[in-house]
PDB file of N, CA and C in Angstrom:
ATOM      1  N   MET A   1     306.268 125.811 176.509  1.00  0.00           N
ATOM      2  CA  MET A   1     307.676 125.327 176.350  1.00  0.00           C
ATOM      3  C   MET A   1     307.633 125.840 175.079  1.00  0.00           C
ATOM      4  N   THR A   2     308.547 126.473 174.714  1.00  0.00           N
ATOM      5  CA  THR A   2     309.233 126.335 172.923  1.00  0.00           C
ATOM      6  C   THR A   2     309.763 125.932 172.473  1.00  0.00           C
ATOM      7  N   GLU A   3     309.259 125.264 171.447  1.00  0.00           N
ATOM      8  CA  GLU A   3     310.103 124.379 170.601  1.00  0.00           C
ATOM      9  C   GLU A   3     311.368 125.253 169.700  1.00  0.00           C
ATOM     10  N   ILE A   4     312.296 124.787 170.376  1.00  0.00           N
ATOM     11  CA  ILE A   4     313.594 125.544 168.787  1.00  0.00           C
ATOM     12  C   ILE A   4     313.851 124.519 168.007  1.00  0.00           C
ATOM     13  N   PRO A   5     313.360 125.671 166.914  1.00  0.00           N
ATOM     14  CA  PRO A   5     313.546 124.886 165.380  1.00  0.00           C
ATOM     15  C   PRO A   5     314.944 124.173 165.345  1.00  0.00           C
ATOM     16  N   ARG A   6     315.151 123.697 164.642  1.00  0.00           N
ATOM     17  CA  ARG A   6     315.929 122.823 164.543  1.00  0.00           C
ATOM     18  C   ARG A   6     317.146 122.740 162.597  1.00  0.00           C
ATOM     19  N   THR A   7     318.071 122.665 162.631  1.00  0.00           N
ATOM     20  CA  THR A   7     318.768 123.473 161.824  1.00  0.00           C
ATOM     21  C   THR A   7     319.225 121.526 161.012  1.00  0.00           C
ATOM     22  N   GLU A   8     318.836 121.684 159.596  1.00  0.00           N
ATOM     23  CA  GLU A   8     318.910 120.476 158.345  1.00  0.00           C
ATOM     24  C   GLU A   8     320.835 120.772 158.379  1.00  0.00           C
ATOM     25  N   HIS A   9     321.217 119.461 158.604  1.00  0.00           N
ATOM     26  CA  HIS A   9     322.798 119.214 157.727  1.00  0.00           C
ATOM     27  C   HIS A   9     322.965 119.027 156.693  1.00  0.00           C
ATOM     28  N   ARG A  10     324.126 119.077 156.263  1.00  0.00           N
ATOM     29  CA  ARG A  10     324.483 118.104 155.310  1.00  0.00           C
ATOM     30  C   ARG A  10     325.465 118.027 154.798  1.00  0.00           C
ATOM     31  N   THR A  11     326.570 116.693 154.201  1.00  0.00           N
ATOM     32  CA  THR A  11     327.650 117.075 154.024  1.00  0.00           C
ATOM     33  C   THR A  11     328.016 117.840 151.898  1.00  0.00           C
ATOM     34  N   VAL A  12     328.828 118.755 152.294  1.00  0.00           N
ATOM     35  CA  VAL A  12     329.191 119.439 151.310  1.00  0.00           C
ATOM     36  C   VAL A  12     330.520 119.074 150.930  1.00  0.00           C
ATOM     37  N   VAL A  13     330.725 118.525 149.847  1.00  0.00           N
ATOM     38  CA  VAL A  13     332.455 117.884 148.970  1.00  0.00           C
ATOM     39  C   VAL A  13     333.000 119.667 148.413  1.00  0.00           C
ATOM     40  N   VAL A  14     334.045 119.896 148.744  1.00  0.00           N
ATOM     41  CA  VAL A  14     334.503 120.252 148.527  1.00  0.00           C
ATOM     42  C   VAL A  14     336.094 120.307 147.614  1.00  0.00           C
ATOM     43  N   LYS A  15     336.059 120.587 146.485  1.00  0.00           N
ATOM     44  CA  LYS A  15     337.020 120.116 145.227  1.00  0.00           C
ATOM     45  C   LYS A  15     338.156 121.102 145.703  1.00  0.00           C
ATOM     46  N   LEU A  16     339.438 121.032 146.067  1.00  0.00           N
ATOM     47  CA  LEU A  16     340.469 121.803 146.178  1.00  0.00           C
ATOM     48  C   LEU A  16     341.633 121.851 144.723  1.00  0.00           C
ATOM     49  N   PHE A  17     342.171 122.989 144.606  1.00  0.00           N
ATOM     50  CA  PHE A  17     342.993 123.084 143.026  1.00  0.00           C
ATOM     51  C   PHE A  17     344.273 123.603 143.768  1.00  0.00           C
ATOM     52  N   ALA A  18     345.540 123.371 143.148  1.00  0.00           N
ATOM     53  CA  ALA A  18     346.958 124.190 142.723  1.00  0.00           C
ATOM     54  C   ALA A  18     347.343 124.476 144.517  1.00  0.00           C
ATOM     55  N   GLY A  19     347.362 125.551 144.910  1.00  0.00           N
ATOM     56  CA  GLY A  19     348.263 125.507 146.326  1.00  0.00           C
ATOM     57  C   GLY A  19     346.863 125.277 147.849  1.00  0.00           C
ATOM     58  N   ALA A  20     346.022 125.246 147.181  1.00  0.00           N
ATOM     59  CA  ALA A  20     344.433 124.850 148.133  1.00  0.00           C
ATOM     60  C   ALA A  20     345.584 123.222 148.304  1.00  0.00           C
ATOM     61  N   LYS A  21     344.919 122.648 147.457  1.00  0.00           N
ATOM     62  CA  LYS A  21     345.203 121.517 147.681  1.00  0.00           C
ATOM     63  C   LYS A  21     346.476 120.721 147.754  1.00  0.00           C
ATOM     64  N   GLN A  22     347.668 121.664 147.604  1.00  0.00           N
ATOM     65  CA  GLN A  22     349.120 121.534 148.601  1.00  0.00           C
ATOM     66  C   GLN A  22     349.162 121.942 150.217  1.00  0.00           C
ATOM     67  N   ILE A  23     348.345 122.274 150.515  1.00  0.00           N
ATOM     68  CA  ILE A  23     347.774 122.816 151.827  1.00  0.00           C
ATOM     69  C   ILE A  23     346.994 122.143 152.565  1.00  0.00           C
ATOM     70  N   ALA A  24     346.442 121.673 152.198  1.00  0.00           N
ATOM     71  CA  ALA A  24     345.551 120.532 152.994  1.00  0.00           C
ATOM     72  C   ALA A  24     346.264 119.199 152.812  1.00  0.00           C
ATOM     73  N   GLY A  25     346.543 118.762 151.818  1.00  0.00           N
ATOM     74  CA  GLY A  25     347.286 117.619 151.677  1.00  0.00           C
ATOM     75  C   GLY A  25     345.957 116.748 151.181  1.00  0.00           C
ATOM     76  N   VAL A  26     344.869 117.105 150.332  1.00  0.00           N
ATOM     77  CA  VAL A  26     343.796 116.272 150.120  1.00  0.00           C
ATOM     78  C   VAL A  26     343.572 116.870 148.842  1.00  0.00           C
ATOM     79  N   PRO A  27     342.978 116.234 147.994  1.00  0.00           N
ATOM     80  CA  PRO A  27     342.220 117.110 146.843  1.00  0.00           C
ATOM     81  C   PRO A  27     340.899 117.246 147.190  1.00  0.00           C
ATOM     82  N   GLU A  28     340.280 117.176 148.125  1.00  0.00           N
ATOM     83  CA  GLU A  28     338.619 117.857 148.738  1.00  0.00           C
ATOM     84  C   GLU A  28     338.119 117.164 149.958  1.00  0.00           C
ATOM     85  N   LEU A  29     337.678 117.799 150.921  1.00  0.00           N
ATOM     86  CA  LEU A  29     337.606 118.145 152.396  1.00  0.00           C
ATOM     87  C   LEU A  29     336.090 118.115 152.235  1.00  0.00           C
ATOM     88  N   SER A  30     335.187 117.188 153.141  1.00  0.00           N
ATOM     89  CA  SER A  30     333.782 117.450 153.756  1.00  0.00           C
ATOM     90  C   SER A  30     333.832 118.196 154.760  1.00  0.00           C
ATOM     91  N   LEU A  31     332.715 118.927 154.583  1.00  0.00           N
ATOM     92  CA  LEU A  31     332.550 120.021 155.433  1.00  0.00           C
ATOM     93  C   LEU A  31     330.592 119.763 155.885  1.00  0.00           C
ATOM     94  N   GLU A  32     330.081 119.978 157.182  1.00  0.00           N
ATOM     95  CA  GLU A  32     329.241 119.762 157.646  1.00  0.00           C
ATOM     96  C   GLU A  32     328.640 120.771 157.146  1.00  0.00           C
ATOM     97  N   LEU A  33     327.769 121.674 156.360  1.00  0.00           N
ATOM     98  CA  LEU A  33     326.982 122.461 156.421  1.00  0.00           C
ATOM     99  C   LEU A  33     325.655 122.643 156.453  1.00  0.00           C
ATOM    100  N   ALA A  34     325.071 123.961 157.160  1.00  0.00           N
ATOM    101  CA  ALA A  34     323.312 123.447 157.515  1.00  0.00           C
ATOM    102  C   ALA A  34     322.770 123.893 156.018  1.00  0.00           C
ATOM    103  N   ASP A  35     321.644 123.853 155.698  1.00  0.00           N
ATOM    104  CA  ASP A  35     320.925 123.302 154.901  1.00  0.00           C
ATOM    105  C   ASP A  35     320.747 124.175 153.971  1.00  0.00           C
ATOM    106  N   HIS A  36     320.829 125.889 154.624  1.00  0.00           N
ATOM    107  CA  HIS A  36     320.488 127.021 153.321  1.00  0.00           C
ATOM    108  C   HIS A  36     322.525 128.343 153.834  1.00  0.00           C
ATOM    109  N   ALA A  37     323.218 127.082 154.048  1.00  0.00           N
ATOM    110  CA  ALA A  37     324.616 127.619 154.094  1.00  0.00           C
ATOM    111  C   ALA A  37     325.042 128.505 152.790  1.00  0.00           C
ATOM    112  N   THR A  38     325.650 129.450 152.965  1.00  0.00           N
ATOM    113  CA  THR A  38     326.109 130.282 151.542  1.00  0.00           C
ATOM    114  C   THR A  38     327.383 130.125 151.828  1.00  0.00           C
ATOM    115  N   VAL A  39     327.691 130.708 150.573  1.00  0.00           N
ATOM    116  CA  VAL A  39     329.299 131.015 150.450  1.00  0.00           C
ATOM    117  C   VAL A  39     330.605 131.003 151.609  1.00  0.00           C
ATOM    118  N   ALA A  40     329.351 132.112 152.231  1.00  0.00           N
ATOM    119  CA  ALA A  40     330.919 132.874 153.576  1.00  0.00           C
ATOM    120  C   ALA A  40     330.695 131.643 154.456  1.00  0.00           C
ATOM    121  N   ASP A  41     329.561 131.244 154.481  1.00  0.00           N
ATOM    122  CA  ASP A  41     329.570 130.055 155.807  1.00  0.00           C
ATOM    123  C   ASP A  41     330.866 128.925 155.633  1.00  0.00           C
ATOM    124  N   LEU A  42     330.640 128.524 154.159  1.00  0.00           N
ATOM    125  CA  LEU A  42     331.492 127.420 153.633  1.00  0.00           C
ATOM    126  C   LEU A  42     333.230 128.133 153.394  1.00  0.00           C
ATOM    127  N   ARG A  43     332.899 129.056 153.063  1.00  0.00           N
ATOM    128  CA  ARG A  43     334.684 129.614 153.705  1.00  0.00           C
ATOM    129  C   ARG A  43     335.116 129.720 155.482  1.00  0.00           C
ATOM    130  N   THR A  44     334.145 129.940 155.833  1.00  0.00           N
ATOM    131  CA  THR A  44     334.276 129.940 157.416  1.00  0.00           C
ATOM    132  C   THR A  44     334.302 128.409 157.646  1.00  0.00           C
ATOM    133  N   ALA A  45     333.867 127.765 157.857  1.00  0.00           N
ATOM    134  CA  ALA A  45     333.528 126.028 157.840  1.00  0.00           C
ATOM    135  C   ALA A  45     334.891 125.574 156.947  1.00  0.00           C
ATOM    136  N   LEU A  46     335.849 126.250 155.591  1.00  0.00           N
ATOM    137  CA  LEU A  46     336.842 125.456 155.542  1.00  0.00           C
ATOM    138  C   LEU A  46     337.976 125.709 156.106  1.00  0.00           C
ATOM    139  N   VAL A  47     338.256 127.058 156.649  1.00  0.00           N
ATOM    140  CA  VAL A  47     338.978 127.336 157.930  1.00  0.00           C
ATOM    141  C   VAL A  47     338.727 126.750 159.051  1.00  0.00           C
ATOM    142  N   ALA A  48     337.659 126.799 159.407  1.00  0.00           N
ATOM    143  CA  ALA A  48     337.791 126.360 160.868  1.00  0.00           C
ATOM    144  C   ALA A  48     338.029 124.298 160.447  1.00  0.00           C
ATOM    145  N   ARG A  49     338.455 123.856 159.276  1.00  0.00           N
ATOM    146  CA  ARG A  49     338.594 122.610 159.261  1.00  0.00           C
ATOM    147  C   ARG A  49     339.674 122.343 159.256  1.00  0.00           C
ATOM    148  N   CYS A  50     340.983 123.454 158.451  1.00  0.00           N
ATOM    149  CA  CYS A  50     341.896 123.369 158.290  1.00  0.00           C
ATOM    150  C   CYS A  50     342.253 125.309 158.002  1.00  0.00           C
ATOM    151  N   PRO A  51     342.274 125.408 159.693  1.00  0.00           N
ATOM    152  CA  PRO A  51     343.331 126.962 159.616  1.00  0.00           C
ATOM    153  C   PRO A  51     344.283 127.388 158.553  1.00  0.00           C
ATOM    154  N   ASP A  52     345.577 126.468 158.279  1.00  0.00           N
ATOM    155  CA  ASP A  52     346.438 127.126 157.511  1.00  0.00           C
ATOM    156  C   ASP A  52     346.026 127.390 156.115  1.00  0.00           C
ATOM    157  N   LEU A  53     344.863 127.247 155.593  1.00  0.00           N
ATOM    158  CA  LEU A  53     344.004 127.338 154.254  1.00  0.00           C
ATOM    159  C   LEU A  53     343.792 128.769 154.465  1.00  0.00           C
ATOM    160  N   ALA A  54     343.550 129.556 155.951  1.00  0.00           N
ATOM    161  CA  ALA A  54     342.957 130.429 156.211  1.00  0.00           C
ATOM    162  C   ALA A  54     343.457 132.015 154.758  1.00  0.00           C
ATOM    163  N   PRO A  55     344.592 132.027 154.273  1.00  0.00           N
ATOM    164  CA  PRO A  55     345.049 133.102 153.616  1.00  0.00           C
ATOM    165  C   PRO A  55     345.141 132.837 152.329  1.00  0.00           C
ATOM    166  N   LEU A  56     344.706 131.968 151.725  1.00  0.00           N
ATOM    167  CA  LEU A  56     344.232 131.137 150.878  1.00  0.00           C
ATOM    168  C   LEU A  56     342.695 131.392 150.398  1.00  0.00           C
ATOM    169  N   VAL A  57     341.767 131.132 151.696  1.00  0.00           N
ATOM    170  CA  VAL A  57     340.127 131.072 151.247  1.00  0.00           C
ATOM    171  C   VAL A  57     340.023 132.102 150.898  1.00  0.00           C
ATOM    172  N   ARG A  58     340.401 133.508 151.625  1.00  0.00           N
ATOM    173  CA  ARG A  58     340.121 134.706 151.421  1.00  0.00           C
ATOM    174  C   ARG A  58     340.041 135.434 150.515  1.00  0.00           C
ATOM    175  N   ARG A  59     341.107 134.748 149.383  1.00  0.00           N
ATOM    176  CA  ARG A  59     341.328 135.488 148.065  1.00  0.00           C
ATOM    177  C   ARG A  59     340.876 134.307 146.581  1.00  0.00           C
ATOM    178  N   ALA A  60     340.848 132.875 147.592  1.00  0.00           N
ATOM    179  CA  ALA A  60     339.986 132.402 146.195  1.00  0.00           C
ATOM    180  C   ALA A  60     338.834 132.464 145.376  1.00  0.00           C
ATOM    181  N   MET A  61     338.618 131.887 144.784  1.00  0.00           N
ATOM    182  CA  MET A  61     336.766 131.817 144.114  1.00  0.00           C
ATOM    183  C   MET A  61     336.102 130.920 144.568  1.00  0.00           C
ATOM    184  N   VAL A  62     335.220 130.661 144.679  1.00  0.00           N
ATOM    185  CA  VAL A  62     334.225 129.391 144.925  1.00  0.00           C
ATOM    186  C   VAL A  62     333.669 129.526 143.864  1.00  0.00           C
ATOM    187  N   ALA A  63     333.554 128.254 143.594  1.00  0.00           N
ATOM    188  CA  ALA A  63     332.631 127.962 141.953  1.00  0.00           C
ATOM    189  C   ALA A  63     331.469 126.767 142.571  1.00  0.00           C
ATOM    190  N   VAL A  64     330.419 126.817 142.379  1.00  0.00           N
ATOM    191  CA  VAL A  64     329.375 126.638 142.606  1.00  0.00           C
ATOM    192  C   VAL A  64     328.493 125.605 141.360  1.00  0.00           C
ATOM    193  N   ASN A  65     328.512 124.438 141.094  1.00  0.00           N
ATOM    194  CA  ASN A  65     327.941 123.865 139.952  1.00  0.00           C
ATOM    195  C   ASN A  65     328.808 124.077 138.597  1.00  0.00           C
ATOM    196  N   CYS A  66     329.685 125.158 138.699  1.00  0.00           N
ATOM    197  CA  CYS A  66     330.962 125.429 137.592  1.00  0.00           C
ATOM    198  C   CYS A  66     330.843 127.076 137.439  1.00  0.00           C
ATOM    199  N   GLN A  67     330.264 127.375 138.057  1.00  0.00           N
ATOM    200  CA  GLN A  67     329.671 128.912 138.328  1.00  0.00           C
ATOM    201  C   GLN A  67     330.581 129.616 139.132  1.00  0.00           C
ATOM    202  N   PHE A  68     331.533 130.833 138.889  1.00  0.00           N
ATOM    203  CA  PHE A  68     331.496 131.425 140.524  1.00  0.00           C
ATOM    204  C   PHE A  68     330.455 132.384 140.606  1.00  0.00           C
ATOM    205  N   ALA A  69     330.991 132.255 142.258  1.00  0.00           N
ATOM    206  CA  ALA A  69     329.786 132.850 143.601  1.00  0.00           C
ATOM    207  C   ALA A  69     329.899 133.380 144.160  1.00  0.00           C
ATOM    208  N   PRO A  70     329.338 134.696 144.240  1.00  0.00           N
ATOM    209  CA  PRO A  70     329.629 135.195 145.703  1.00  0.00           C
ATOM    210  C   PRO A  70     329.515 134.816 147.020  1.00  0.00           C
ATOM    211  N   ASP A  71     330.179 135.829 147.635  1.00  0.00           N
ATOM    212  CA  ASP A  71     329.303 134.822 149.630  1.00  0.00           C
ATOM    213  C   ASP A  71     328.572 134.953 150.052  1.00  0.00           C
ATOM    214  N   ALA A  72     327.472 135.760 149.120  1.00  0.00           N
ATOM    215  CA  ALA A  72     326.012 135.814 149.762  1.00  0.00           C
ATOM    216  C   ALA A  72     325.202 134.664 148.968  1.00  0.00           C
ATOM    217  N   ASN A  73     325.635 133.891 147.940  1.00  0.00           N
ATOM    218  CA  ASN A  73     324.822 133.261 147.074  1.00  0.00           C
ATOM    219  C   ASN A  73     324.546 131.526 148.116  1.00  0.00           C
ATOM    220  N   THR A  74     323.523 131.059 148.211  1.00  0.00           N
ATOM    221  CA  THR A  74     322.775 129.881 149.039  1.00  0.00           C
ATOM    222  C   THR A  74     323.719 129.132 148.200  1.00  0.00           C
ATOM    223  N   ILE A  75     324.285 127.649 148.743  1.00  0.00           N
ATOM    224  CA  ILE A  75     324.614 126.418 147.870  1.00  0.00           C
ATOM    225  C   ILE A  75     323.378 125.492 148.403  1.00  0.00           C
ATOM    226  N   PRO A  76     323.093 125.284 146.747  1.00  0.00           N
ATOM    227  CA  PRO A  76     322.275 124.502 147.051  1.00  0.00           C
ATOM    228  C   PRO A  76     322.192 122.968 146.845  1.00  0.00           C
ATOM    229  N   ALA A  77     321.341 121.976 147.271  1.00  0.00           N
ATOM    230  CA  ALA A  77     321.534 120.426 147.820  1.00  0.00           C
ATOM    231  C   ALA A  77     322.616 119.702 146.697  1.00  0.00           C
ATOM    232  N   ALA A  78     323.323 119.066 147.062  1.00  0.00           N
ATOM    233  CA  ALA A  78     323.713 118.367 145.727  1.00  0.00           C
ATOM    234  C   ALA A  78     324.513 119.570 144.617  1.00  0.00           C
ATOM    235  N   ALA A  79     325.082 120.249 145.403  1.00  0.00           N
ATOM    236  CA  ALA A  79     326.246 121.091 144.396  1.00  0.00           C
ATOM    237  C   ALA A  79     327.906 120.628 144.324  1.00  0.00           C
ATOM    238  N   GLU A  80     328.451 120.883 142.740  1.00  0.00           N
ATOM    239  CA  GLU A  80     329.745 120.896 143.099  1.00  0.00           C
ATOM    240  C   GLU A  80     330.400 122.011 143.326  1.00  0.00           C
ATOM    241  N   VAL A  81     331.327 121.790 144.500  1.00  0.00           N
ATOM    242  CA  VAL A  81     331.699 123.112 145.217  1.00  0.00           C
ATOM    243  C   VAL A  81     333.518 122.752 144.510  1.00  0.00           C
ATOM    244  N   ALA A  82     333.899 123.856 144.377  1.00  0.00           N
ATOM    245  CA  ALA A  82     335.585 123.936 144.518  1.00  0.00           C
ATOM    246  C   ALA A  82     335.541 125.368 144.838  1.00  0.00           C
ATOM    247  N   LEU A  83     337.511 124.927 145.205  1.00  0.00           N
ATOM    248  CA  LEU A  83     338.356 126.578 145.562  1.00  0.00           C
ATOM    249  C   LEU A  83     339.229 126.436 145.275  1.00  0.00           C
ATOM    250  N   ILE A  84     339.260 127.681 144.240  1.00  0.00           N
ATOM    251  CA  ILE A  84     340.066 127.777 143.004  1.00  0.00           C
ATOM    252  C   ILE A  84     341.189 129.049 143.568  1.00  0.00           C
ATOM    253  N   PRO A  85     341.996 128.748 144.057  1.00  0.00           N
ATOM    254  CA  PRO A  85     343.085 129.755 144.427  1.00  0.00           C
ATOM    255  C   PRO A  85     343.559 130.798 143.329  1.00  0.00           C
ATOM    256  N   PRO A  86     343.901 131.860 143.547  1.00  0.00           N
ATOM    257  CA  PRO A  86     344.052 133.088 142.364  1.00  0.00           C
ATOM    258  C   PRO A  86     345.759 132.281 142.094  1.00  0.00           C
ATOM    259  N   VAL A  87     345.646 132.841 140.538  1.00  0.00           N
ATOM    260  CA  VAL A  87     346.732 132.266 139.725  1.00  0.00           C
ATOM    261  C   VAL A  87     347.969 133.321 139.477  1.00  0.00           C
ATOM    262  N   SER A  88     348.991 133.327 139.971  1.00  0.00           N
ATOM    263  CA  SER A  88     350.379 133.934 139.352  1.00  0.00           C
ATOM    264  C   SER A  88     351.145 133.385 137.959  1.00  0.00           C
ATOM    265  N   GLY A  89     351.907 134.516 137.591  1.00  0.00           N
ATOM    266  CA  GLY A  89     352.558 133.929 136.053  1.00  0.00           C
ATOM    267  C   GLY A  89     353.352 134.858 136.341  1.00  0.00           C
ATOM    268  N   GLY A  90     353.778 134.490 134.779  1.00  0.00           N
ATOM    269  CA  GLY A  90     354.777 135.761 134.484  1.00  0.00           C
ATOM    270  C   GLY A  90     355.152 135.361 132.462  1.00  0.00           C
TER     271      GLY A  90
END
């Protein structure tokens, strides 16, 4: 019998700002992600947790440990993660 490898999970807290905070109704969300989750995985988990965030999540920047991170980046353990919506003004 072949054993299926287990994926370890951890909780990642995502800080929300501006419109994301207003839509979600909370300043942060806790998500369960696989140990080697990427920023793209985080985006998917955010939309699954709060579907109303979907349009904003596609356009928002994700910061990991105070640096903007592309979707392919892996989120390290105990990382500080923030969803930063696009800004507009005039």
